[in-house]
Amino acid sequence: MNKYIKENSFSKDKKTGGLIKQLILTIGSGIALLVFALFASGILFTGAVVQRMNSDIKENVHK
């Protein structure tokens, strides 16, 4: 009986540890995707701003 209780509690701890690892990996992946998305949109936005500034400069030169 005592052996059964120990095995059962160990498997429960192992299961909980696996769930915690999975939760940490999921949250970490979500944060990584969010950072990547913000970084990529920042690069695209910066490129759009630079392109617009260049076109404004060209328009002012030709006036």
Protein backbone atom coordinates (compact mmCIF):
# COMPACT_ATOMS: atom_id res chain seq x y z
CA MET A 1 0.00 0.00 0.00
CA ASN A 2 2.76 2.43 0.95
CA LYS A 3 4.68 1.61 -2.24
CA TYR A 4 1.56 2.32 -4.34
CA ILE A 5 1.10 5.73 -2.71
CA LYS A 6 4.74 6.69 -3.36
CA GLU A 7 4.56 5.63 -7.01
CA ASN A 8 1.28 7.43 -7.51
CA SER A 9 2.54 10.67 -5.96
CA PHE A 10 5.75 10.49 -7.98
CA SER A 11 3.87 10.10 -11.25
CA LYS A 12 1.64 13.02 -10.28
CA ASP A 13 4.71 15.21 -9.61
CA LYS A 14 6.22 14.12 -12.90
CA LYS A 15 3.00 14.99 -14.71
CA THR A 16 2.84 18.40 -13.03
CA GLY A 17 6.49 19.06 -13.89
CA GLY A 18 5.77 18.22 -17.52
CA LEU A 19 2.80 20.58 -17.57
CA ILE A 20 4.89 23.36 -16.04
CA LYS A 21 7.63 22.83 -18.64
CA GLN A 22 5.04 22.88 -21.41
CA LEU A 23 3.50 26.06 -20.00
CA ILE A 24 6.91 27.76 -19.79
CA LEU A 25 7.75 26.73 -23.36
CA THR A 26 4.38 27.97 -24.61
CA ILE A 27 4.72 31.32 -22.87
CA GLY A 28 8.33 31.65 -24.03
CA SER A 29 7.36 30.90 -27.62
CA GLY A 30 4.55 33.44 -27.43
CA ILE A 31 6.89 36.12 -26.13
CA ALA A 32 9.45 35.28 -28.82
CA LEU A 33 6.81 35.55 -31.55
CA LEU A 34 5.57 38.85 -30.12
CA VAL A 35 9.08 40.30 -30.01
CA PHE A 36 9.76 39.09 -33.55
CA ALA A 37 6.48 40.59 -34.81
CA LEU A 38 7.20 43.93 -33.16
CA PHE A 39 10.76 43.90 -34.48
CA ALA A 40 9.64 43.05 -38.02
CA SER A 41 6.88 45.68 -38.02
CA GLY A 42 9.37 48.23 -36.70
CA ILE A 43 11.73 47.49 -39.56
CA LEU A 44 8.90 47.72 -42.10
CA PHE A 45 7.58 50.93 -40.53
CA THR A 46 11.04 52.46 -40.49
CA GLY A 47 11.49 51.50 -44.14
CA ALA A 48 8.18 53.14 -45.01
CA VAL A 49 9.15 56.33 -43.16
CA VAL A 50 12.55 56.47 -44.87
CA GLN A 51 10.95 55.88 -48.26
CA ARG A 52 8.42 58.66 -47.65
CA MET A 53 11.15 61.04 -46.46
CA ASN A 54 13.17 60.29 -49.59
CA SER A 55 10.18 61.00 -51.82
CA ASP A 56 9.49 64.26 -49.92
CA ILE A 57 13.11 65.30 -50.35
CA LYS A 58 12.96 64.55 -54.09
CA GLU A 59 9.76 66.60 -54.42
CA ASN A 60 11.34 69.55 -52.61
CA VAL A 61 14.43 69.38 -54.79
CA HIS A 62 12.36 69.51 -57.98
CA LYS A 63 10.26 72.51 -56.86
